[in-house]
Each structure stands twice: as structure tokens, then as C-alpha cells.
């Protein structure tokens, strides 16, 4: 197996760590750098790419791959072999494998090192739950950018409705809202989160959650936060997920804002049930969607 990566962000670093732990030997192939959007792998003559971008369009750096594992993708309509990518939690196992960074220089190298330093360590994802805490901290997508403004508007409004309902129903037991940004401040000034949003601080916050809430992301994608909730042992309440898992993750599905709030309230009022679901979720994460397991299952789908 040969692999090469561009300067990676938090989740790109997680895929890199997964490849390394799954047994990849690193060689820099000199492919175009794309700020962590794409990780390239060559396995038995098959060129594969992990496309982590938020667009349903194929990232240009992934276009030459034989197989593309893509987090945001449409069910059909691609000219190449595109497969849904089940997201993992953005963390590192230990020291990052650095051989594939040997060709990076200047700002690219600085971005990569900064990204590694920001990436949480797996040990930070140990549950530290003490009292009921419901977490739903999300991004508001700027509808003036991106390839599908209508989809961004849909996601934003759905998230806004859930934030309002959870705040009203749970009071101080709810933590979250929209991460402050120029767009969020302009569009949803009353729904901003007061909690930290850096990867390191968010990992600490997530570890305290007894219940984690999620919506479906852009283009029907599975948000990264689902894997993060499972990693920390939080009970997951989510819209039905439009992705192919090797097994069904333990979660409570909802199809309306009212059903979401009722499901969350049930878990808050029944902490033992939430605890059992959280433990099952953490075990599911370790078996199926930890970075090395996610990568291994993806690559096995190429060779079997």
C-alpha cells in the first residue's frame, strides 16, 4: 500500500492516522496539495481517494482516482466509482506519521504542523459525564457560498428549529447553538453558542455530554459529530442517517423537531437507559468507525 496526503485539517489528520495504524507505508507521491480535503491511497494498483470536502461535487484532486470515498455525496449521478464515507472522529492516536510531510515547505508545512497540534488525542475522548448534559453545537452555512444554497438554507433552518426547541425544553441542561461566525451572528444572533469550538476544547465539552443531538448534514451526509458522540459514549439522537454502515449504530431516530425533543427528554429522565446506549455506542465506534477501522473497512471493500 502506498499513501500520500496533502496538508490535513483535524479530520484529514484522523484519516492519515487511521491509514498509518491500519498498516500503510508512507511515500510522498507529489500530488497537488488541497489543504486536507483529499487523502490519496494506492492499493494493489487501484488508486483510491478519501474526499473530505463539504461539497457533493468531486474535489479536483480526487478526480483521477479509480475509487472515491466521499462524505458528502449524492446517491447517483457520478461518472466514477463514488462510495459513501462513514465519518470518524477527528483525533490522533499518538505521534503523527510525518514521513509523508517531507515535501511540504513554507505555509503548507506550517498549516500541517498547526493542524496536528490542534487535533485532539484519543485519550481526550474518555467520557467524563457527571450530570445530564445535552449537546448540539453546529455550524451555520453561509447561503451566499457553496454549490447548493437551497440545501444550506434547509440545513440551517432545521438546526435553528432544534436549537430553539431544546433550549426551551431543557434550560441549563442544554449546551450548544450555532458556532459564532459573521454569517451566524447576522442570521441567528439569538441562537449562538457560548461554548468553545476549537477541536481541543470541543473534545473536552463532548466528553461531558450524556446525550448528543444531530441532524443530517449537507447533501444528506452523516455529520462528523455522530462519530464524536459515539466516541465519547453519549447517547445519540439523530435524524435517520443516509449512509451505509457495516452495522447499524445504536441511536434514537427522529423525523420531527417535536419527536427529537421528546426523545432527548426521555433519555435525560432515564439516565440508566442513556448510559447503556452510550456504552453500546462507544463499543460500536471502536469496532467499526475508529479511524483505523473506518479506513480498513473502506479498503477491504476495494479488495473483496
Protein backbone atom coordinates (compact mmCIF):
# COMPACT_ATOMS: atom_id res chain seq x y z
CA UNK A 1 0.00 0.00 0.00
CA UNK A 2 1.25 3.47 -0.85
CA UNK A 3 -0.32 6.62 0.50
CA UNK A 4 0.14 10.36 0.21
CA UNK A 5 -1.69 13.25 1.79
CA UNK A 6 -1.91 16.99 1.40
CA UNK A 7 -1.78 19.35 4.40
CA UNK A 8 -4.58 17.98 6.56
CA UNK A 9 -7.05 19.51 8.95
CA UNK A 10 -8.40 17.75 12.02
CA UNK A 11 -10.43 15.14 10.13
CA UNK A 12 -7.83 14.73 7.41
CA UNK A 13 -5.31 14.01 10.15
CA UNK A 14 -7.67 11.37 11.54
CA UNK A 15 -7.77 9.59 8.17
CA UNK A 16 -3.98 9.80 7.97
CA UNK A 17 -3.69 8.33 11.47
CA UNK A 18 -6.12 5.59 10.51
CA UNK A 19 -4.10 4.67 7.44
CA UNK A 20 -0.91 4.55 9.47
CA UNK A 21 -2.42 2.40 12.21
CA UNK A 22 -4.06 0.15 9.61
CA UNK A 23 -0.61 -0.62 8.23
CA UNK A 24 0.05 1.91 5.46
CA UNK A 25 3.66 2.60 4.50
CA UNK A 26 4.03 6.27 3.60
CA UNK A 27 5.64 7.57 0.40
CA UNK A 28 5.24 11.12 -0.88
CA UNK A 29 3.89 10.94 -4.43
CA UNK A 30 3.96 14.68 -5.03
CA UNK A 31 0.24 15.10 -5.78
CA UNK A 32 -1.37 18.57 -5.68
CA UNK A 33 -1.94 19.86 -2.17
CA UNK A 34 -5.51 20.64 -1.18
CA UNK A 35 -5.49 21.79 2.44
CA UNK A 36 -6.57 18.49 3.88
CA UNK A 37 -9.58 17.96 1.59
CA UNK A 38 -8.24 14.78 -0.02
CA UNK A 39 -6.09 11.85 1.07
CA UNK A 40 -4.77 9.56 -1.69
CA UNK A 41 -4.10 5.83 -1.36
CA UNK A 42 -2.83 3.27 -3.86
CA UNK A 43 -3.65 -0.35 -3.08
CA UNK A 44 -2.75 -3.21 -5.43
CA UNK A 45 -2.78 -0.92 -8.43
CA UNK A 46 -6.09 0.74 -7.51
CA UNK A 47 -5.97 4.48 -6.89
CA UNK A 48 -8.38 5.50 -4.14
CA UNK A 49 -9.11 8.89 -2.62
CA UNK A 50 -10.78 9.96 0.63
CA UNK A 51 -12.63 13.17 -0.29
CA UNK A 52 -13.49 15.03 2.93
CA UNK A 53 -14.88 18.17 1.29
CA UNK A 54 -18.33 19.56 2.14
CA UNK A 55 -19.46 19.69 -1.49
CA UNK A 56 -21.29 16.91 -3.34
CA UNK A 57 -19.02 17.64 -6.29
CA UNK A 58 -15.84 15.60 -6.71
CA UNK A 59 -12.82 17.54 -5.47
CA UNK A 60 -10.42 18.16 -8.39
CA UNK A 61 -7.58 16.45 -6.51
CA UNK A 62 -9.66 13.25 -6.29
CA UNK A 63 -10.82 13.20 -9.90
CA UNK A 64 -8.14 10.78 -11.15
CA UNK A 65 -8.84 8.10 -8.54
CA UNK A 66 -10.43 4.78 -9.51
CA UNK A 67 -12.49 4.74 -6.30
CA UNK A 68 -13.54 7.78 -4.26
CA UNK A 69 -14.76 7.50 -0.67
CA UNK A 70 -16.76 10.68 -0.15
CA UNK A 71 -18.50 12.02 2.95
CA UNK A 72 -20.83 14.39 1.05
CA UNK A 73 -22.17 12.57 -1.97
CA UNK A 74 -25.32 12.03 -3.98
CA UNK A 75 -26.75 8.50 -4.31
CA UNK A 76 -26.21 8.52 -8.10
CA UNK A 77 -25.01 10.70 -10.94
CA UNK A 78 -21.23 10.27 -10.81
CA UNK A 79 -19.12 9.06 -13.72
CA UNK A 80 -16.63 7.30 -11.45
CA UNK A 81 -16.95 4.83 -8.56
CA UNK A 82 -18.03 7.02 -5.62
CA UNK A 83 -18.86 5.37 -2.30
CA UNK A 84 -20.28 6.94 0.88
CA UNK A 85 -17.65 7.55 3.53
CA UNK A 86 -18.72 6.90 7.10
CA UNK A 87 -17.15 9.75 9.11
CA UNK A 88 -14.84 9.14 12.03
CA UNK A 89 -13.89 11.32 14.98
CA UNK A 90 -11.04 13.76 14.40
CA UNK A 91 -8.27 12.69 16.75
CA UNK A 92 -4.76 11.27 16.74
CA UNK A 93 -3.57 8.03 18.33
CA UNK A 94 -0.13 9.24 19.32
CA UNK A 95 2.70 10.78 17.34
CA UNK A 96 1.60 11.57 13.80
CA UNK A 97 3.42 9.74 10.99
CA UNK A 98 5.43 12.56 9.40
CA UNK A 99 7.23 10.88 6.51
CA UNK A 100 4.52 11.97 4.06
CA UNK A 101 5.08 15.63 5.03
CA UNK A 102 8.70 15.59 3.85
CA UNK A 103 7.97 17.55 0.65
CA UNK A 104 5.96 20.28 2.37
CA UNK A 105 7.53 23.71 2.61
CA UNK A 106 6.64 27.17 3.90
CA UNK A 107 2.97 27.86 4.62
CA UNK A 108 1.93 24.30 3.71
CA UNK A 109 4.25 22.89 6.37
CA UNK A 110 3.12 25.47 8.94
CA UNK A 111 -0.55 24.64 8.29
CA UNK A 112 0.14 20.93 8.66
CA UNK A 113 2.02 21.26 11.95
CA UNK A 114 -0.62 23.63 13.29
CA UNK A 115 -3.33 21.15 12.28
CA UNK A 116 -1.59 18.30 14.10
CA UNK A 117 -1.20 20.37 17.26
CA UNK A 118 -4.91 21.28 17.19
CA UNK A 119 -6.04 17.69 16.68
CA UNK A 120 -7.31 16.10 19.92
CA UNK A 121 -5.63 12.98 21.22
CA UNK A 122 -7.73 9.84 21.59
CA UNK A 123 -7.27 9.88 25.37
CA UNK A 124 -9.20 13.17 25.49
CA UNK A 125 -12.31 11.33 24.30
CA UNK A 126 -12.77 9.47 27.61
CA UNK A 127 -16.30 10.07 28.96
CA UNK A 128 -16.41 12.41 31.97
CA UNK A 129 -20.17 12.63 32.46
CA UNK A 130 -21.31 13.91 35.85
CA UNK A 131 -24.81 15.27 35.30
CA UNK A 132 -27.32 15.39 32.41
CA UNK A 133 -25.93 17.47 29.56
CA UNK A 134 -27.42 17.60 26.06
CA UNK A 135 -25.07 18.82 23.33
CA UNK A 136 -25.93 20.26 19.92
CA UNK A 137 -23.29 22.72 18.72
CA UNK A 138 -23.32 23.24 14.97
CA UNK A 139 -22.21 25.42 12.09
CA UNK A 140 -24.49 27.81 10.19
CA UNK A 141 -23.72 27.53 6.48
CA UNK A 142 -23.37 30.78 4.54
CA UNK A 143 -26.00 30.57 1.80
CA UNK A 144 -24.05 33.00 -0.39
CA UNK A 145 -21.31 30.41 -0.87
CA UNK A 146 -21.21 26.75 -1.84
CA UNK A 147 -22.74 24.82 -4.72
CA UNK A 148 -26.28 24.45 -3.33
CA UNK A 149 -27.66 27.47 -1.43
CA UNK A 150 -31.10 25.85 -1.03
CA UNK A 151 -29.58 22.85 0.72
CA UNK A 152 -27.61 25.13 3.05
CA UNK A 153 -30.79 27.05 3.88
CA UNK A 154 -32.61 23.79 4.63
CA UNK A 155 -29.89 22.58 6.98
CA UNK A 156 -29.62 25.96 8.74
CA UNK A 157 -33.35 26.31 9.36
CA UNK A 158 -33.72 22.76 10.60
CA UNK A 159 -30.86 23.25 13.03
CA UNK A 160 -32.27 26.59 14.19
CA UNK A 161 -35.64 24.99 14.98
CA UNK A 162 -34.00 22.25 17.03
CA UNK A 163 -31.79 24.70 18.95
CA UNK A 164 -34.83 26.80 19.89
CA UNK A 165 -36.85 23.77 20.98
CA UNK A 166 -34.04 22.22 23.03
CA UNK A 167 -33.24 25.50 24.78
CA UNK A 168 -36.90 25.97 25.66
CA UNK A 169 -37.39 22.40 26.84
CA UNK A 170 -34.13 21.74 28.68
CA UNK A 171 -32.91 25.06 30.03
CA UNK A 172 -29.39 24.83 31.52
CA UNK A 173 -29.15 21.11 30.72
CA UNK A 174 -28.76 22.06 27.05
CA UNK A 175 -25.42 23.28 25.73
CA UNK A 176 -24.89 24.44 22.19
CA UNK A 177 -26.21 26.58 19.39
CA UNK A 178 -24.56 27.94 16.28
CA UNK A 179 -20.80 28.41 16.42
CA UNK A 180 -20.25 32.20 16.17
CA UNK A 181 -19.28 33.36 12.69
CA UNK A 182 -20.06 36.51 10.69
CA UNK A 183 -22.94 34.72 8.97
CA UNK A 184 -24.33 33.15 12.16
CA UNK A 185 -24.14 36.46 14.03
CA UNK A 186 -26.05 38.16 11.24
CA UNK A 187 -28.69 35.49 10.65
CA UNK A 188 -29.13 33.83 14.06
CA UNK A 189 -27.90 36.29 16.72
CA UNK A 190 -30.18 34.77 19.38
CA UNK A 191 -29.04 31.20 18.74
CA UNK A 192 -25.26 31.50 19.13
CA UNK A 193 -23.35 29.06 21.30
CA UNK A 194 -21.38 30.41 24.24
CA UNK A 195 -19.26 27.24 24.44
CA UNK A 196 -15.75 26.84 22.97
CA UNK A 197 -15.46 25.48 19.45
CA UNK A 198 -11.74 24.73 18.95
CA UNK A 199 -11.15 21.00 18.37
CA UNK A 200 -9.37 20.59 21.70
CA UNK A 201 -11.97 22.44 23.78
CA UNK A 202 -14.88 20.88 21.91
CA UNK A 203 -13.50 17.42 22.68
CA UNK A 204 -13.50 18.29 26.38
CA UNK A 205 -17.08 19.55 26.12
CA UNK A 206 -18.26 16.48 24.21
CA UNK A 207 -16.84 14.19 26.89
CA UNK A 208 -19.31 15.69 29.36
CA UNK A 209 -22.35 15.05 27.16
CA UNK A 210 -24.84 12.38 28.19
CA UNK A 211 -26.93 12.95 25.04
CA UNK A 212 -25.72 14.20 21.65
CA UNK A 213 -28.15 15.52 19.04
CA UNK A 214 -27.51 15.51 15.30
CA UNK A 215 -29.21 16.44 12.05
CA UNK A 216 -28.34 15.15 8.61
CA UNK A 217 -25.66 17.35 7.05
CA UNK A 218 -25.28 18.94 3.63
CA UNK A 219 -26.40 16.76 0.73
CA UNK A 220 -27.70 14.13 3.16
CA UNK A 221 -24.25 13.45 4.61
CA UNK A 222 -23.54 11.96 8.01
CA UNK A 223 -22.05 14.72 10.21
CA UNK A 224 -18.70 14.23 11.91
CA UNK A 225 -20.42 14.82 15.24
CA UNK A 226 -22.21 11.44 15.09
CA UNK A 227 -18.85 9.66 15.29
CA UNK A 228 -17.70 12.07 18.00
CA UNK A 229 -20.78 11.35 20.13
CA UNK A 230 -20.24 7.61 19.76
CA UNK A 231 -16.56 8.02 20.64
CA UNK A 232 -17.32 9.73 23.96
CA UNK A 233 -20.16 7.41 24.94
CA UNK A 234 -23.02 9.90 24.56
CA UNK A 235 -26.45 8.56 23.66
CA UNK A 236 -27.20 9.70 20.10
CA UNK A 237 -30.50 11.23 18.97
CA UNK A 238 -30.36 11.82 15.22
CA UNK A 239 -32.29 12.06 12.01
CA UNK A 240 -32.15 8.76 10.09
CA UNK A 241 -28.69 8.54 8.53
CA UNK A 242 -28.36 8.31 4.75
CA UNK A 243 -25.18 6.25 4.71
CA UNK A 244 -24.05 2.65 4.62
CA UNK A 245 -22.59 1.46 7.91
CA UNK A 246 -21.24 -2.07 8.20
CA UNK A 247 -23.69 -2.36 11.11
CA UNK A 248 -26.38 -0.05 12.46
CA UNK A 249 -25.08 2.32 15.16
CA UNK A 250 -27.09 2.50 18.39
CA UNK A 251 -29.15 5.69 18.24
CA UNK A 252 -32.67 7.06 18.65
CA UNK A 253 -34.00 8.33 15.30
CA UNK A 254 -36.40 11.23 14.92
CA UNK A 255 -38.30 12.74 11.99
CA UNK A 256 -39.64 15.96 13.54
CA UNK A 257 -38.50 18.62 15.98
CA UNK A 258 -41.13 17.52 18.48
CA UNK A 259 -40.01 13.90 18.29
CA UNK A 260 -36.40 15.00 18.73
CA UNK A 261 -37.17 16.89 21.94
CA UNK A 262 -39.33 14.06 23.30
CA UNK A 263 -36.56 11.51 22.66
CA UNK A 264 -33.97 13.72 24.32
CA UNK A 265 -36.22 14.32 27.34
CA UNK A 266 -36.79 10.58 27.71
CA UNK A 267 -33.05 9.94 27.88
CA UNK A 268 -32.47 12.81 30.30
CA UNK A 269 -35.19 11.46 32.58
CA UNK A 270 -33.87 7.90 32.26
CA UNK A 271 -30.11 8.19 32.79
CA UNK A 272 -29.60 4.43 33.02
CA UNK A 273 -31.02 3.97 29.52
CA UNK A 274 -28.81 6.79 28.25
CA UNK A 275 -25.78 5.22 29.92
CA UNK A 276 -26.43 1.80 28.36
CA UNK A 277 -26.88 3.33 24.91
CA UNK A 278 -23.72 5.40 25.36
CA UNK A 279 -21.64 2.35 26.27
CA UNK A 280 -23.01 0.46 23.27
CA UNK A 281 -22.18 3.43 21.06
CA UNK A 282 -18.60 3.67 22.30
CA UNK A 283 -18.12 -0.05 21.63
CA UNK A 284 -19.61 0.39 18.16
CA UNK A 285 -17.20 3.23 17.48
CA UNK A 286 -14.17 1.17 18.48
CA UNK A 287 -15.27 -1.79 16.37
CA UNK A 288 -16.44 -0.02 13.23
CA UNK A 289 -15.65 3.69 12.83
CA UNK A 290 -12.50 4.43 14.80
CA UNK A 291 -10.11 5.91 12.19
CA UNK A 292 -8.17 2.70 11.58
CA UNK A 293 -11.35 0.60 11.46
CA UNK A 294 -13.06 3.05 9.11
CA UNK A 295 -10.06 3.03 6.77
CA UNK A 296 -9.67 -0.75 6.98
CA UNK A 297 -13.33 -1.38 6.09
CA UNK A 298 -13.15 1.09 3.20
CA UNK A 299 -10.02 -0.51 1.75
CA UNK A 300 -11.41 -4.02 2.22
CA UNK A 301 -14.34 -3.01 0.02
CA UNK A 302 -11.82 -2.44 -2.79
CA UNK A 303 -10.11 -5.81 -2.48
CA UNK A 304 -13.10 -8.08 -1.80
